[in-house]
Amino acid sequence: MEQGLQLDSEHEACRFNLAAALFQLGDVTSAVHHFEWVAERYNNLHARLNLAMIIPGCPDVSHQRLLEIRQTFAAGLRAMPDTNKPCVFRSRAAEERLRVGYISAFLHRSNYMKPVWGLINGHDRQQFDIYLFADDTKGNGLAWFKPGAHDHIHYTQSLDNAQLVSLIHEQQLDIVVDLNGYSMASRLEILLSRLAPVTVTWFNMYATSGLPGIDWIIGDEFVVRPDEEPFYSEKICRLPQSYLSFVVGHESPDISPPPCLTSQRFTFGSLVSQY
């Protein structure tokens, strides 16, 4: 692909594919450079999407530039079919339970969703009704979900974005929580719409979303530092300690002491992506 660009430096597809390959190889900085070139040169929405998805992993990009990139991508989504239909939300009486909806395409991935199930199952069902909007096939099931008597599960994989927005509006929710972030690109369009009186993103959003339909992002003092706050399009809700919950829903052994306590051996772990 690099040789192809030497022959034709303006070739859109060649430069786009080079950016994608560089990202897969772990060269995020170079991938960002090429995606940005394609996005600006050809006003390529797919390049802007890829740029918006990978930009938090680029060490050379400032918070201001990250915000601009994601807001520019969000502005480009406005050209798609409009899902922002007018909706009148309910007036909740003080004694009524809050209706909280969670949107995710990954609820069937129990191991990945440990922090999520820890939170959802911890809701006091005397105060909350839970609505799950799962872009999962029904056969996979939600093994770790402990539903309350008034909870609802909607499997939404077959719905397009306009239909999903309509379904969410019909439930007259008080709070909607997006759990997808940029990991489910095809659903980002719904976050241009007013889904509920309050829309929150949590768990799977790194840096600001730049999406106008999101009111709040949940974090803590470590993942959103005070000097970073001006570069968020959302209001910041900081939790004490960690913004993530964590519950293991399966049988597991107790944590063992590290070998270094009884020998000269050290155990090393790595959290990097294994390109």
C-alpha atoms as a PDB file:
ATOM      1  CA  MET A   1       0.000   0.000   0.000  1.00  0.00           C
ATOM      2  CA  GLU A   2       2.871   2.348   0.718  1.00  0.00           C
ATOM      3  CA  GLN A   3       4.291   1.539  -2.726  1.00  0.00           C
ATOM      4  CA  GLY A   4       0.864   2.231  -4.206  1.00  0.00           C
ATOM      5  CA  LEU A   5       0.833   5.687  -2.609  1.00  0.00           C
ATOM      6  CA  GLN A   6       4.231   6.386  -4.162  1.00  0.00           C
ATOM      7  CA  LEU A   7       2.562   5.847  -7.536  1.00  0.00           C
ATOM      8  CA  ASP A   8      -0.586   7.806  -6.649  1.00  0.00           C
ATOM      9  CA  SER A   9      -0.433   9.789  -3.413  1.00  0.00           C
ATOM     10  CA  GLU A  10      -4.055  10.918  -3.891  1.00  0.00           C
ATOM     11  CA  HIS A  11      -5.508   7.383  -4.009  1.00  0.00           C
ATOM     12  CA  GLU A  12      -8.324   7.407  -1.447  1.00  0.00           C
ATOM     13  CA  ALA A  13      -8.852   3.664  -0.954  1.00  0.00           C
ATOM     14  CA  CYS A  14      -5.122   2.902  -0.823  1.00  0.00           C
ATOM     15  CA  ARG A  15      -4.479   5.475   1.897  1.00  0.00           C
ATOM     16  CA  PHE A  16      -7.577   4.371   3.847  1.00  0.00           C
ATOM     17  CA  ASN A  17      -6.454   0.718   3.758  1.00  0.00           C
ATOM     18  CA  LEU A  18      -2.940   1.713   4.802  1.00  0.00           C
ATOM     19  CA  ALA A  19      -4.392   3.530   7.815  1.00  0.00           C
ATOM     20  CA  ALA A  20      -6.438   0.476   8.784  1.00  0.00           C
ATOM     21  CA  ALA A  21      -3.401  -1.809   8.456  1.00  0.00           C
ATOM     22  CA  LEU A  22      -1.192   0.513  10.498  1.00  0.00           C
ATOM     23  CA  PHE A  23      -3.783   0.569  13.274  1.00  0.00           C
ATOM     24  CA  GLN A  24      -3.924  -3.236  13.340  1.00  0.00           C
ATOM     25  CA  LEU A  25      -0.117  -3.262  13.606  1.00  0.00           C
ATOM     26  CA  GLY A  26      -0.253  -0.924  16.596  1.00  0.00           C
ATOM     27  CA  ASP A  27       1.030   2.234  14.904  1.00  0.00           C
ATOM     28  CA  VAL A  28      -1.882   4.387  16.030  1.00  0.00           C
ATOM     29  CA  THR A  29      -0.147   7.709  15.385  1.00  0.00           C
ATOM     30  CA  SER A  30       0.489   6.917  11.702  1.00  0.00           C
ATOM     31  CA  ALA A  31      -3.008   5.461  11.321  1.00  0.00           C
ATOM     32  CA  VAL A  32      -4.524   8.674  12.685  1.00  0.00           C
ATOM     33  CA  HIS A  33      -2.433  10.732  10.239  1.00  0.00           C
ATOM     34  CA  HIS A  34      -3.677   8.784   7.197  1.00  0.00           C
ATOM     35  CA  PHE A  35      -7.326   8.550   8.332  1.00  0.00           C
ATOM     36  CA  GLU A  36      -7.295  12.292   8.967  1.00  0.00           C
ATOM     37  CA  TRP A  37      -5.850  12.941   5.499  1.00  0.00           C
ATOM     38  CA  VAL A  38      -8.590  10.871   3.822  1.00  0.00           C
ATOM     39  CA  ALA A  39     -11.294  12.475   5.970  1.00  0.00           C
ATOM     40  CA  GLU A  40     -10.217  16.024   5.144  1.00  0.00           C
ATOM     41  CA  ARG A  41      -9.274  15.465   1.498  1.00  0.00           C
ATOM     42  CA  TYR A  42     -12.416  13.560   0.492  1.00  0.00           C
ATOM     43  CA  ASN A  43     -14.852  14.409   3.319  1.00  0.00           C
ATOM     44  CA  ASN A  44     -14.992  10.653   3.881  1.00  0.00           C
ATOM     45  CA  LEU A  45     -17.431   9.831   6.714  1.00  0.00           C
ATOM     46  CA  HIS A  46     -16.079   6.290   7.071  1.00  0.00           C
ATOM     47  CA  ALA A  47     -12.599   7.709   7.622  1.00  0.00           C
ATOM     48  CA  ARG A  48     -14.008  10.187  10.155  1.00  0.00           C
ATOM     49  CA  LEU A  49     -15.690   7.288  11.976  1.00  0.00           C
ATOM     50  CA  ASN A  50     -12.460   5.292  12.154  1.00  0.00           C
ATOM     51  CA  LEU A  51     -10.619   8.399  13.270  1.00  0.00           C
ATOM     52  CA  ALA A  52     -13.175   9.065  16.013  1.00  0.00           C
ATOM     53  CA  MET A  53     -12.995   5.434  17.163  1.00  0.00           C
ATOM     54  CA  ILE A  54      -9.220   5.169  17.529  1.00  0.00           C
ATOM     55  CA  ILE A  55      -8.300   8.724  18.507  1.00  0.00           C
ATOM     56  CA  PRO A  56      -8.167   8.181  22.333  1.00  0.00           C
ATOM     57  CA  GLY A  57      -5.300   5.739  21.767  1.00  0.00           C
ATOM     58  CA  CYS A  58      -3.099   8.278  19.987  1.00  0.00           C
ATOM     59  CA  PRO A  59      -0.511   9.812  22.362  1.00  0.00           C
ATOM     60  CA  ASP A  60       0.183  12.767  20.042  1.00  0.00           C
ATOM     61  CA  VAL A  61      -3.374  14.142  20.042  1.00  0.00           C
ATOM     62  CA  SER A  62      -4.438  16.798  22.530  1.00  0.00           C
ATOM     63  CA  HIS A  63      -7.748  16.724  24.384  1.00  0.00           C
ATOM     64  CA  GLN A  64      -8.870  19.742  22.370  1.00  0.00           C
ATOM     65  CA  ARG A  65      -8.131  18.001  19.073  1.00  0.00           C
ATOM     66  CA  LEU A  66      -9.865  14.830  20.242  1.00  0.00           C
ATOM     67  CA  LEU A  67     -12.994  16.819  21.069  1.00  0.00           C
ATOM     68  CA  GLU A  68     -12.903  18.501  17.652  1.00  0.00           C
ATOM     69  CA  ILE A  69     -12.489  15.188  15.814  1.00  0.00           C
ATOM     70  CA  ARG A  70     -15.440  13.554  17.563  1.00  0.00           C
ATOM     71  CA  GLN A  71     -17.702  16.586  17.221  1.00  0.00           C
ATOM     72  CA  THR A  72     -16.847  16.833  13.514  1.00  0.00           C
ATOM     73  CA  PHE A  73     -17.773  13.175  13.094  1.00  0.00           C
ATOM     74  CA  ALA A  74     -21.050  13.721  14.982  1.00  0.00           C
ATOM     75  CA  ALA A  75     -21.879  16.690  12.739  1.00  0.00           C
ATOM     76  CA  GLY A  76     -21.394  14.457   9.699  1.00  0.00           C
ATOM     77  CA  LEU A  77     -23.926  11.969  11.059  1.00  0.00           C
ATOM     78  CA  ARG A  78     -26.618  14.630  10.835  1.00  0.00           C
ATOM     79  CA  ALA A  79     -26.749  14.077   7.082  1.00  0.00           C
ATOM     80  CA  MET A  80     -28.165  10.582   7.658  1.00  0.00           C
ATOM     81  CA  PRO A  81     -31.929   9.895   7.899  1.00  0.00           C
ATOM     82  CA  ASP A  82     -33.363  11.858  10.813  1.00  0.00           C
ATOM     83  CA  THR A  83     -34.278   9.855  13.918  1.00  0.00           C
ATOM     84  CA  ASN A  84     -34.867  12.898  16.096  1.00  0.00           C
ATOM     85  CA  LYS A  85     -38.653  12.657  16.178  1.00  0.00           C
ATOM     86  CA  PRO A  86     -40.405  14.863  18.723  1.00  0.00           C
ATOM     87  CA  CYS A  87     -41.127  13.043  21.965  1.00  0.00           C
ATOM     88  CA  VAL A  88     -42.984  14.231  25.061  1.00  0.00           C
ATOM     89  CA  PHE A  89     -41.540  12.581  28.158  1.00  0.00           C
ATOM     90  CA  ARG A  90     -43.626  11.585  31.144  1.00  0.00           C
ATOM     91  CA  SER A  91     -43.907  13.563  34.348  1.00  0.00           C
ATOM     92  CA  ARG A  92     -42.838  11.154  37.076  1.00  0.00           C
ATOM     93  CA  ALA A  93     -44.559  11.317  40.449  1.00  0.00           C
ATOM     94  CA  ALA A  94     -42.197  11.413  43.426  1.00  0.00           C
ATOM     95  CA  GLU A  95     -43.336   8.006  44.664  1.00  0.00           C
ATOM     96  CA  GLU A  96     -42.883   6.272  41.292  1.00  0.00           C
ATOM     97  CA  ARG A  97     -39.854   4.114  40.578  1.00  0.00           C
ATOM     98  CA  LEU A  98     -37.257   5.542  38.233  1.00  0.00           C
ATOM     99  CA  ARG A  99     -37.165   3.835  34.846  1.00  0.00           C
ATOM    100  CA  VAL A 100     -33.563   3.306  33.770  1.00  0.00           C
ATOM    101  CA  GLY A 101     -32.702   1.896  30.350  1.00  0.00           C
ATOM    102  CA  TYR A 102     -29.371   0.324  29.368  1.00  0.00           C
ATOM    103  CA  ILE A 103     -28.345   0.015  25.703  1.00  0.00           C
ATOM    104  CA  SER A 104     -25.698  -2.532  24.743  1.00  0.00           C
ATOM    105  CA  ALA A 105     -24.691  -4.901  21.964  1.00  0.00           C
ATOM    106  CA  PHE A 106     -22.496  -6.925  24.331  1.00  0.00           C
ATOM    107  CA  LEU A 107     -24.759  -8.067  27.158  1.00  0.00           C
ATOM    108  CA  HIS A 108     -24.277 -11.706  26.124  1.00  0.00           C
ATOM    109  CA  ARG A 109     -20.505 -11.429  26.753  1.00  0.00           C
ATOM    110  CA  SER A 110     -20.634 -12.165  30.453  1.00  0.00           C
ATOM    111  CA  ASN A 111     -16.905 -11.942  31.125  1.00  0.00           C
ATOM    112  CA  TYR A 112     -16.560  -8.580  29.355  1.00  0.00           C
ATOM    113  CA  MET A 113     -19.647  -7.216  31.092  1.00  0.00           C
ATOM    114  CA  LYS A 114     -18.638  -8.005  34.687  1.00  0.00           C
ATOM    115  CA  PRO A 115     -18.639  -4.300  35.675  1.00  0.00           C
ATOM    116  CA  VAL A 116     -22.049  -3.818  34.069  1.00  0.00           C
ATOM    117  CA  TRP A 117     -23.817  -6.738  35.735  1.00  0.00           C
ATOM    118  CA  GLY A 118     -22.359  -5.674  39.060  1.00  0.00           C
ATOM    119  CA  LEU A 119     -24.153  -2.360  38.679  1.00  0.00           C
ATOM    120  CA  ILE A 120     -27.424  -3.485  37.069  1.00  0.00           C
ATOM    121  CA  ASN A 121     -28.044  -6.325  39.500  1.00  0.00           C
ATOM    122  CA  GLY A 122     -27.260  -3.993  42.391  1.00  0.00           C
ATOM    123  CA  HIS A 123     -30.168  -1.650  41.664  1.00  0.00           C
ATOM    124  CA  ASP A 124     -32.749  -1.469  44.455  1.00  0.00           C
ATOM    125  CA  ARG A 125     -35.876  -2.718  42.684  1.00  0.00           C
ATOM    126  CA  GLN A 126     -38.030  -0.815  45.151  1.00  0.00           C
ATOM    127  CA  GLN A 127     -36.705   2.370  43.573  1.00  0.00           C
ATOM    128  CA  PHE A 128     -35.798   1.379  40.003  1.00  0.00           C
ATOM    129  CA  ASP A 129     -37.289  -0.461  37.055  1.00  0.00           C
ATOM    130  CA  ILE A 130     -34.620  -1.695  34.636  1.00  0.00           C
ATOM    131  CA  TYR A 131     -35.051  -1.793  30.857  1.00  0.00           C
ATOM    132  CA  LEU A 132     -32.417  -3.594  28.779  1.00  0.00           C
ATOM    133  CA  PHE A 133     -32.090  -2.894  25.060  1.00  0.00           C
ATOM    134  CA  ALA A 134     -29.900  -5.772  23.900  1.00  0.00           C
ATOM    135  CA  ASP A 135     -28.518  -5.931  20.378  1.00  0.00           C
ATOM    136  CA  ASP A 136     -27.931  -9.638  21.049  1.00  0.00           C
ATOM    137  CA  THR A 137     -29.514 -12.707  19.570  1.00  0.00           C
ATOM    138  CA  LYS A 138     -32.116 -14.015  21.999  1.00  0.00           C
ATOM    139  CA  GLY A 139     -30.621 -17.506  21.982  1.00  0.00           C
ATOM    140  CA  ASN A 140     -27.435 -16.327  23.675  1.00  0.00           C
ATOM    141  CA  GLY A 141     -29.323 -15.341  26.798  1.00  0.00           C
ATOM    142  CA  LEU A 142     -28.240 -13.005  29.575  1.00  0.00           C
ATOM    143  CA  ALA A 143     -26.881 -15.523  32.032  1.00  0.00           C
ATOM    144  CA  TRP A 144     -25.766 -13.073  34.726  1.00  0.00           C
ATOM    145  CA  PHE A 145     -28.855 -10.868  34.729  1.00  0.00           C
ATOM    146  CA  LYS A 146     -30.969 -11.075  37.891  1.00  0.00           C
ATOM    147  CA  PRO A 147     -34.232  -9.448  36.791  1.00  0.00           C
ATOM    148  CA  GLY A 148     -36.658  -7.758  39.122  1.00  0.00           C
ATOM    149  CA  ALA A 149     -40.409  -8.224  38.892  1.00  0.00           C
ATOM    150  CA  HIS A 150     -40.886  -5.053  36.829  1.00  0.00           C
ATOM    151  CA  ASP A 151     -37.770  -5.259  34.637  1.00  0.00           C
ATOM    152  CA  HIS A 152     -38.000  -5.503  30.848  1.00  0.00           C
ATOM    153  CA  ILE A 153     -35.688  -6.971  28.185  1.00  0.00           C
ATOM    154  CA  HIS A 154     -35.960  -5.857  24.563  1.00  0.00           C
ATOM    155  CA  TYR A 155     -33.884  -7.730  21.973  1.00  0.00           C
ATOM    156  CA  THR A 156     -33.273  -5.076  19.346  1.00  0.00           C
ATOM    157  CA  GLN A 157     -30.877  -6.612  16.854  1.00  0.00           C
ATOM    158  CA  SER A 158     -33.486  -6.644  14.079  1.00  0.00           C
ATOM    159  CA  LEU A 159     -34.417  -2.960  14.545  1.00  0.00           C
ATOM    160  CA  ASP A 160     -32.940  -0.138  12.534  1.00  0.00           C
ATOM    161  CA  ASN A 161     -31.932   3.032  14.340  1.00  0.00           C
ATOM    162  CA  ALA A 162     -35.228   4.848  13.806  1.00  0.00           C
ATOM    163  CA  GLN A 163     -37.158   1.837  15.127  1.00  0.00           C
ATOM    164  CA  LEU A 164     -34.858   1.560  18.150  1.00  0.00           C
ATOM    165  CA  VAL A 165     -35.337   5.235  18.987  1.00  0.00           C
ATOM    166  CA  SER A 166     -39.113   4.803  18.698  1.00  0.00           C
ATOM    167  CA  LEU A 167     -39.031   1.753  20.989  1.00  0.00           C
ATOM    168  CA  ILE A 168     -37.001   3.629  23.609  1.00  0.00           C
ATOM    169  CA  HIS A 169     -39.382   6.591  23.437  1.00  0.00           C
ATOM    170  CA  GLU A 170     -42.372   4.282  23.914  1.00  0.00           C
ATOM    171  CA  GLN A 171     -40.994   3.088  27.266  1.00  0.00           C
ATOM    172  CA  GLN A 172     -41.048   6.644  28.650  1.00  0.00           C
ATOM    173  CA  LEU A 173     -37.768   6.196  30.487  1.00  0.00           C
ATOM    174  CA  ASP A 174     -36.336   8.648  32.981  1.00  0.00           C
ATOM    175  CA  ILE A 175     -32.667   7.844  32.324  1.00  0.00           C
ATOM    176  CA  VAL A 176     -30.953   6.099  29.412  1.00  0.00           C
ATOM    177  CA  VAL A 177     -27.420   4.725  29.836  1.00  0.00           C
ATOM    178  CA  ASP A 178     -25.361   3.965  26.738  1.00  0.00           C
ATOM    179  CA  LEU A 179     -22.931   1.074  27.263  1.00  0.00           C
ATOM    180  CA  ASN A 180     -21.695   0.830  23.663  1.00  0.00           C
ATOM    181  CA  GLY A 181     -19.598   3.924  23.153  1.00  0.00           C
ATOM    182  CA  TYR A 182     -17.735   3.790  19.849  1.00  0.00           C
ATOM    183  CA  SER A 183     -17.586  -0.015  19.993  1.00  0.00           C
ATOM    184  CA  MET A 184     -20.926  -0.227  18.151  1.00  0.00           C
ATOM    185  CA  ALA A 185     -20.523   2.293  15.366  1.00  0.00           C
ATOM    186  CA  SER A 186     -23.827   1.497  13.664  1.00  0.00           C
ATOM    187  CA  ARG A 187     -25.751   2.661  16.769  1.00  0.00           C
ATOM    188  CA  LEU A 188     -23.985   6.002  17.265  1.00  0.00           C
ATOM    189  CA  GLU A 189     -26.669   7.738  15.218  1.00  0.00           C
ATOM    190  CA  ILE A 190     -29.290   7.215  17.936  1.00  0.00           C
ATOM    191  CA  LEU A 191     -27.175   9.320  20.301  1.00  0.00           C
ATOM    192  CA  LEU A 192     -27.922  12.388  18.214  1.00  0.00           C
ATOM    193  CA  SER A 193     -31.502  12.072  19.465  1.00  0.00           C
ATOM    194  CA  ARG A 194     -33.103  12.984  22.764  1.00  0.00           C
ATOM    195  CA  LEU A 195     -33.784   9.464  24.103  1.00  0.00           C
ATOM    196  CA  ALA A 196     -34.904  10.418  27.622  1.00  0.00           C
ATOM    197  CA  PRO A 197     -34.894  13.423  29.952  1.00  0.00           C
ATOM    198  CA  VAL A 198     -31.347  12.362  30.910  1.00  0.00           C
ATOM    199  CA  THR A 199     -28.941  10.374  28.714  1.00  0.00           C
ATOM    200  CA  VAL A 200     -25.701   9.076  30.195  1.00  0.00           C
ATOM    201  CA  THR A 201     -22.677   7.235  28.814  1.00  0.00           C
ATOM    202  CA  TRP A 202     -20.709   4.881  31.056  1.00  0.00           C
ATOM    203  CA  PHE A 203     -18.301   1.948  31.051  1.00  0.00           C
ATOM    204  CA  ASN A 204     -17.263   1.904  27.379  1.00  0.00           C
ATOM    205  CA  MET A 205     -16.633   5.553  26.475  1.00  0.00           C
ATOM    206  CA  TYR A 206     -13.045   6.744  26.465  1.00  0.00           C
ATOM    207  CA  ALA A 207     -12.680  10.541  26.479  1.00  0.00           C
ATOM    208  CA  THR A 208     -15.626  12.656  25.345  1.00  0.00           C
ATOM    209  CA  SER A 209     -18.213  11.250  22.961  1.00  0.00           C
ATOM    210  CA  GLY A 210     -18.739  14.524  21.117  1.00  0.00           C
ATOM    211  CA  LEU A 211     -22.341  13.397  20.559  1.00  0.00           C
ATOM    212  CA  PRO A 212     -25.048  15.994  21.266  1.00  0.00           C
ATOM    213  CA  GLY A 213     -27.612  13.502  22.592  1.00  0.00           C
ATOM    214  CA  ILE A 214     -25.491  12.598  25.643  1.00  0.00           C
ATOM    215  CA  ASP A 215     -25.878  14.771  28.721  1.00  0.00           C
ATOM    216  CA  TRP A 216     -23.504  13.133  31.214  1.00  0.00           C
ATOM    217  CA  ILE A 217     -20.449  10.886  31.260  1.00  0.00           C
ATOM    218  CA  ILE A 218     -19.685   8.912  34.414  1.00  0.00           C
ATOM    219  CA  GLY A 219     -16.105   8.770  35.619  1.00  0.00           C
ATOM    220  CA  ASP A 220     -13.901   9.348  38.633  1.00  0.00           C
ATOM    221  CA  GLU A 221     -11.005  11.627  39.593  1.00  0.00           C
ATOM    222  CA  PHE A 222      -8.510   9.373  37.832  1.00  0.00           C
ATOM    223  CA  VAL A 223     -10.157   8.857  34.433  1.00  0.00           C
ATOM    224  CA  VAL A 224     -11.436  12.451  34.088  1.00  0.00           C
ATOM    225  CA  ARG A 225      -9.066  14.876  35.769  1.00  0.00           C
ATOM    226  CA  PRO A 226     -10.285  18.411  36.499  1.00  0.00           C
ATOM    227  CA  ASP A 227      -7.974  20.007  33.900  1.00  0.00           C
ATOM    228  CA  GLU A 228      -9.475  17.728  31.219  1.00  0.00           C
ATOM    229  CA  GLU A 229     -13.085  18.679  31.946  1.00  0.00           C
ATOM    230  CA  PRO A 230     -13.277  21.623  29.455  1.00  0.00           C
ATOM    231  CA  PHE A 231     -12.650  19.157  26.624  1.00  0.00           C
ATOM    232  CA  TYR A 232     -15.826  17.141  27.229  1.00  0.00           C
ATOM    233  CA  SER A 233     -19.111  17.842  25.466  1.00  0.00           C
ATOM    234  CA  GLU A 234     -20.875  16.140  28.405  1.00  0.00           C
ATOM    235  CA  LYS A 235     -21.230  17.117  32.032  1.00  0.00           C
ATOM    236  CA  ILE A 236     -18.981  15.023  34.282  1.00  0.00           C
ATOM    237  CA  CYS A 237     -20.411  12.850  37.046  1.00  0.00           C
ATOM    238  CA  ARG A 238     -17.473  11.741  39.212  1.00  0.00           C
ATOM    239  CA  LEU A 239     -17.941   8.808  41.538  1.00  0.00           C
ATOM    240  CA  PRO A 240     -15.817   8.341  44.669  1.00  0.00           C
ATOM    241  CA  GLN A 241     -13.111   5.674  44.308  1.00  0.00           C
ATOM    242  CA  SER A 242     -13.625   3.878  40.960  1.00  0.00           C
ATOM    243  CA  TYR A 243     -16.266   4.564  38.317  1.00  0.00           C
ATOM    244  CA  LEU A 244     -16.471   0.810  37.609  1.00  0.00           C
ATOM    245  CA  SER A 245     -18.181  -1.870  39.638  1.00  0.00           C
ATOM    246  CA  PHE A 246     -16.870  -5.428  39.453  1.00  0.00           C
ATOM    247  CA  VAL A 247     -18.623  -8.672  40.310  1.00  0.00           C
ATOM    248  CA  VAL A 248     -17.611 -12.186  39.255  1.00  0.00           C
ATOM    249  CA  GLY A 249     -20.781 -14.141  38.568  1.00  0.00           C
ATOM    250  CA  HIS A 250     -19.210 -17.589  38.276  1.00  0.00           C
ATOM    251  CA  GLU A 251     -17.317 -19.959  40.562  1.00  0.00           C
ATOM    252  CA  SER A 252     -13.677 -18.924  40.841  1.00  0.00           C
ATOM    253  CA  PRO A 253     -10.773 -19.766  43.161  1.00  0.00           C
ATOM    254  CA  ASP A 254      -9.537 -17.372  45.791  1.00  0.00           C
ATOM    255  CA  ILE A 255      -6.739 -15.019  44.766  1.00  0.00           C
ATOM    256  CA  SER A 256      -3.361 -16.580  45.529  1.00  0.00           C
ATOM    257  CA  PRO A 257      -0.384 -14.696  46.990  1.00  0.00           C
ATOM    258  CA  PRO A 258       2.173 -13.710  44.318  1.00  0.00           C
ATOM    259  CA  PRO A 259       5.204 -16.039  43.996  1.00  0.00           C
ATOM    260  CA  CYS A 260       7.596 -13.177  44.824  1.00  0.00           C
ATOM    261  CA  LEU A 261       6.526 -13.363  48.487  1.00  0.00           C
ATOM    262  CA  THR A 262       8.083 -16.817  48.894  1.00  0.00           C
ATOM    263  CA  SER A 263      10.769 -16.930  46.182  1.00  0.00           C
ATOM    264  CA  GLN A 264      12.869 -14.733  43.928  1.00  0.00           C
ATOM    265  CA  ARG A 265      10.442 -15.095  41.022  1.00  0.00           C
ATOM    266  CA  PHE A 266       8.308 -12.183  39.850  1.00  0.00           C
ATOM    267  CA  THR A 267       5.089 -12.504  37.861  1.00  0.00           C
ATOM    268  CA  PHE A 268       4.577  -9.886  35.166  1.00  0.00           C
ATOM    269  CA  GLY A 269       1.313  -8.992  33.468  1.00  0.00           C
ATOM    270  CA  SER A 270       0.613  -6.838  30.437  1.00  0.00           C
ATOM    271  CA  LEU A 271      -2.607  -5.029  29.561  1.00  0.00           C
ATOM    272  CA  VAL A 272      -1.584  -3.957  26.033  1.00  0.00           C
ATOM    273  CA  SER A 273      -3.497  -5.119  22.968  1.00  0.00           C
ATOM    274  CA  GLN A 274      -1.754  -8.103  21.413  1.00  0.00           C
ATOM    275  CA  TYR A 275      -1.267  -6.816  17.863  1.00  0.00           C
END
